Amino acid sequence: MLVPTSAGAQRTPPVAPPVDTAGLAHDRPGAVMEMLYERTFFNVDVLDLTLRFGPDAASELERVLESAPPEALEDSIALAALSATDVLVASRFLRGVSLAQFLDGLRESLDRAFDAGLISAEAHRAILMDVDVQYEPLREGGIRAGDVMWYRIKGDTLHLAFQRADGRVLVEERPVGPERRMGVLGGYLAPGSDFREGLIRSVIR
């Protein structure tokens, strides 16, 4: 079973991102969510996950942090992050996993978004069908330590790219639609997601 813990300093990918990183907020309380995702049983690090927001979303997260009542704080943070339309997501793998394990994780995240009502049944089916085809280039070699899965959200456009540690981009697509944005963000922040608690705690100082 995989569970989240707070990340501390984010490890920096060794090569330039293949997605646009301009215009994001920096050095603000609501600018970044981050966590380390690890296996509890043997305490093995699996990946570093970072969500970096644009100025509008960062401002809204700051407002929530300052004004939301304690009993509603976590849900309010999640809602503000889910509403963001200018986000960079980076998942840097710290150990190798098989393509099957990687796809299982993607499907589980999409299931959480669907279960929470964040994407429709039609969108859920369509994205799952795409996932089976998109990542076929990873079948040989799987996912390796140092690889990065990037998602750049701008409005309803999602630029996804899977990058090897040496800089090669093996998967790259630009699907459009609000369900694509919500499929990514909902997978991380919907109730029941393995990532939700760690990401939310990272912005509560």
Protein backbone atom coordinates (compact mmCIF):
# COMPACT_ATOMS: atom_id res chain seq x y z
CA MET A 1 0.00 0.00 0.00
CA LEU A 2 1.25 3.49 -0.88
CA VAL A 3 0.75 6.39 1.52
CA PRO A 4 1.81 10.08 1.49
CA THR A 5 4.23 11.88 3.73
CA SER A 6 5.41 15.49 3.65
CA ALA A 7 8.16 16.03 1.10
CA GLY A 8 10.41 18.76 2.40
CA ALA A 9 12.65 20.13 -0.32
CA GLN A 10 11.64 19.11 -3.82
CA ARG A 11 14.27 17.26 -5.83
CA THR A 12 15.02 19.13 -9.04
CA PRO A 13 14.67 17.25 -12.33
CA PRO A 14 18.07 17.03 -14.03
CA VAL A 15 17.01 18.48 -17.40
CA ALA A 16 14.77 21.30 -18.61
CA PRO A 17 11.02 20.56 -18.54
CA PRO A 18 9.40 19.87 -21.92
CA VAL A 19 6.36 21.95 -20.90
CA ASP A 20 5.87 25.68 -20.45
CA THR A 21 6.69 26.87 -16.94
CA ALA A 22 6.24 30.61 -17.49
CA GLY A 23 3.84 32.68 -15.43
CA LEU A 24 3.65 30.48 -12.35
CA ALA A 25 3.70 31.89 -8.83
CA HIS A 26 6.85 31.65 -6.71
CA ASP A 27 7.75 32.19 -3.05
CA ARG A 28 4.16 32.58 -1.85
CA PRO A 29 2.30 30.51 0.78
CA GLY A 30 -0.22 29.22 -1.75
CA ALA A 31 2.12 28.78 -4.69
CA VAL A 32 3.18 25.17 -4.19
CA MET A 33 1.87 21.87 -2.89
CA GLU A 34 4.42 19.06 -2.59
CA MET A 35 4.83 15.67 -1.03
CA LEU A 36 6.86 12.49 -1.03
CA TYR A 37 4.94 9.35 -1.93
CA GLU A 38 6.33 6.18 -0.39
CA ARG A 39 5.64 2.57 0.42
CA THR A 40 4.81 2.20 4.10
CA PHE A 41 5.81 -1.43 4.56
CA PHE A 42 9.47 -0.97 3.66
CA ASN A 43 9.48 2.87 3.75
CA VAL A 44 10.68 2.99 0.14
CA ASP A 45 10.51 6.36 -1.65
CA VAL A 46 8.46 6.13 -4.84
CA LEU A 47 8.07 9.66 -6.21
CA ASP A 48 8.24 13.36 -5.49
CA LEU A 49 5.04 15.17 -6.42
CA THR A 50 4.80 18.95 -6.88
CA LEU A 51 1.84 21.12 -7.89
CA ARG A 52 2.82 24.72 -8.67
CA PHE A 53 0.01 27.22 -9.24
CA GLY A 54 -0.42 30.43 -11.19
CA PRO A 55 -0.86 33.76 -9.36
CA ASP A 56 -4.68 33.69 -9.26
CA ALA A 57 -4.88 30.22 -7.73
CA ALA A 58 -2.03 31.01 -5.34
CA SER A 59 -3.91 34.11 -4.16
CA GLU A 60 -7.08 32.08 -3.63
CA LEU A 61 -5.20 29.45 -1.66
CA GLU A 62 -3.66 32.17 0.50
CA ARG A 63 -7.13 33.62 1.13
CA VAL A 64 -8.42 30.19 2.15
CA LEU A 65 -5.47 29.63 4.46
CA GLU A 66 -6.14 32.93 6.19
CA SER A 67 -9.94 32.85 6.41
CA ALA A 68 -11.38 29.33 6.27
CA PRO A 69 -12.61 27.93 9.62
CA PRO A 70 -10.48 25.06 10.96
CA GLU A 71 -13.20 22.45 10.46
CA ALA A 72 -13.51 23.38 6.76
CA LEU A 73 -9.87 24.18 6.02
CA GLU A 74 -8.81 20.97 4.27
CA ASP A 75 -11.91 20.81 2.05
CA SER A 76 -11.56 24.51 1.23
CA ILE A 77 -7.92 24.07 0.23
CA ALA A 78 -8.81 21.12 -1.99
CA LEU A 79 -11.65 23.06 -3.64
CA ALA A 80 -9.41 26.04 -4.35
CA ALA A 81 -6.75 23.80 -5.90
CA LEU A 82 -9.31 21.89 -7.94
CA SER A 83 -10.60 25.18 -9.36
CA ALA A 84 -7.17 26.22 -10.63
CA THR A 85 -6.72 26.63 -14.38
CA ASP A 86 -3.01 27.49 -14.37
CA VAL A 87 -1.03 24.63 -12.83
CA LEU A 88 2.19 22.69 -13.37
CA VAL A 89 2.28 19.14 -12.00
CA ALA A 90 5.55 17.21 -11.82
CA SER A 91 5.84 13.62 -10.61
CA ARG A 92 9.50 12.57 -10.42
CA PHE A 93 10.03 8.87 -9.88
CA LEU A 94 12.60 7.87 -7.30
CA ARG A 95 12.56 4.16 -8.16
CA GLY A 96 11.60 2.04 -11.13
CA VAL A 97 8.08 0.67 -11.59
CA SER A 98 6.56 -1.41 -14.36
CA LEU A 99 4.21 0.05 -16.94
CA ALA A 100 1.43 -2.06 -15.44
CA GLN A 101 2.00 -0.53 -12.00
CA PHE A 102 2.11 2.96 -13.50
CA LEU A 103 -1.14 2.45 -15.42
CA ASP A 104 -2.83 0.95 -12.36
CA GLY A 105 -1.96 4.14 -10.48
CA LEU A 106 -3.37 6.35 -13.24
CA ARG A 107 -6.58 4.33 -13.37
CA GLU A 108 -6.99 4.47 -9.61
CA SER A 109 -6.55 8.24 -9.64
CA LEU A 110 -9.17 8.60 -12.37
CA ASP A 111 -11.51 6.38 -10.37
CA ARG A 112 -11.17 8.73 -7.38
CA ALA A 113 -12.03 11.73 -9.58
CA PHE A 114 -15.06 9.91 -10.97
CA ASP A 115 -16.22 8.66 -7.56
CA ALA A 116 -16.13 12.24 -6.29
CA GLY A 117 -18.31 13.43 -9.18
CA LEU A 118 -15.53 15.56 -10.65
CA ILE A 119 -15.66 13.89 -14.08
CA SER A 120 -18.56 12.25 -15.86
CA ALA A 121 -18.89 8.56 -16.64
CA GLU A 122 -18.36 9.35 -20.32
CA ALA A 123 -15.17 11.33 -19.60
CA HIS A 124 -13.96 8.59 -17.26
CA ARG A 125 -14.33 5.96 -19.98
CA ALA A 126 -12.74 8.15 -22.67
CA ILE A 127 -9.68 9.03 -20.57
CA LEU A 128 -9.18 5.41 -19.53
CA MET A 129 -9.23 4.35 -23.19
CA ASP A 130 -6.64 7.01 -24.02
CA VAL A 131 -4.38 5.95 -21.15
CA ASP A 132 -4.06 2.43 -22.53
CA VAL A 133 -2.74 3.82 -25.84
CA GLN A 134 -0.80 6.91 -24.74
CA TYR A 135 1.79 5.13 -22.64
CA GLU A 136 2.54 2.21 -24.95
CA PRO A 137 6.04 3.69 -25.65
CA LEU A 138 6.89 2.92 -22.00
CA ARG A 139 6.18 -0.79 -22.29
CA GLU A 140 9.80 -1.55 -23.07
CA GLY A 141 11.84 -0.36 -20.12
CA GLY A 142 8.95 0.71 -17.92
CA ILE A 143 9.38 3.70 -15.64
CA ARG A 144 12.87 4.34 -14.28
CA ALA A 145 14.30 6.31 -11.39
CA GLY A 146 14.67 9.93 -12.47
CA ASP A 147 11.83 9.86 -15.01
CA VAL A 148 9.29 12.69 -14.74
CA MET A 149 5.60 12.79 -15.60
CA TRP A 150 4.63 16.38 -16.43
CA TYR A 151 1.18 17.94 -16.66
CA ARG A 152 0.83 21.59 -17.65
CA ILE A 153 -2.69 22.93 -17.29
CA LYS A 154 -3.63 26.20 -18.99
CA GLY A 155 -7.36 26.80 -19.07
CA ASP A 156 -8.90 23.62 -20.42
CA THR A 157 -5.77 22.57 -22.31
CA LEU A 158 -3.65 19.83 -20.78
CA HIS A 159 -0.09 19.38 -22.02
CA LEU A 160 1.17 16.02 -20.77
CA ALA A 161 4.70 14.76 -21.29
CA PHE A 162 6.62 11.78 -19.97
CA GLN A 163 10.34 12.54 -19.84
CA ARG A 164 13.26 10.22 -19.23
CA ALA A 165 15.97 11.36 -16.83
CA ASP A 166 18.24 11.97 -19.82
CA GLY A 167 15.76 14.46 -21.30
CA ARG A 168 14.11 12.28 -23.94
CA VAL A 169 10.34 12.77 -24.19
CA LEU A 170 8.65 9.44 -24.89
CA VAL A 171 5.02 10.49 -24.54
CA GLU A 172 3.54 13.90 -25.34
CA GLU A 173 -0.04 14.97 -26.01
CA ARG A 174 -2.25 18.04 -25.68
CA PRO A 175 -5.84 16.97 -25.01
CA VAL A 176 -8.40 19.74 -24.53
CA GLY A 177 -11.47 19.88 -22.32
CA PRO A 178 -12.40 20.65 -18.71
CA GLU A 179 -12.63 16.94 -17.96
CA ARG A 180 -8.93 16.53 -18.82
CA ARG A 181 -7.92 19.19 -16.33
CA MET A 182 -10.21 17.76 -13.68
CA GLY A 183 -9.06 14.21 -14.36
CA VAL A 184 -5.54 15.24 -13.34
CA LEU A 185 -6.34 17.53 -10.41
CA GLY A 186 -9.17 15.33 -9.18
CA GLY A 187 -6.91 12.31 -9.19
CA TYR A 188 -4.64 14.05 -6.70
CA LEU A 189 -7.15 15.97 -4.59
CA ALA A 190 -10.46 14.07 -4.59
CA PRO A 191 -11.56 12.42 -1.33
CA GLY A 192 -9.97 8.98 -1.12
CA SER A 193 -6.92 9.90 -3.17
CA ASP A 194 -3.62 8.69 -1.73
CA PHE A 195 -2.16 12.13 -2.46
CA ARG A 196 -4.82 14.44 -1.02
CA GLU A 197 -3.75 14.52 2.62
CA GLY A 198 -0.05 15.00 1.95
CA LEU A 199 -0.60 17.77 -0.59
CA ILE A 200 -3.03 19.66 1.64
CA ARG A 201 -0.80 19.37 4.70
CA SER A 202 2.12 20.79 2.72
CA VAL A 203 0.42 24.21 2.52
CA ILE A 204 -0.82 24.30 6.13
CA ARG A 205 2.11 25.81 8.02
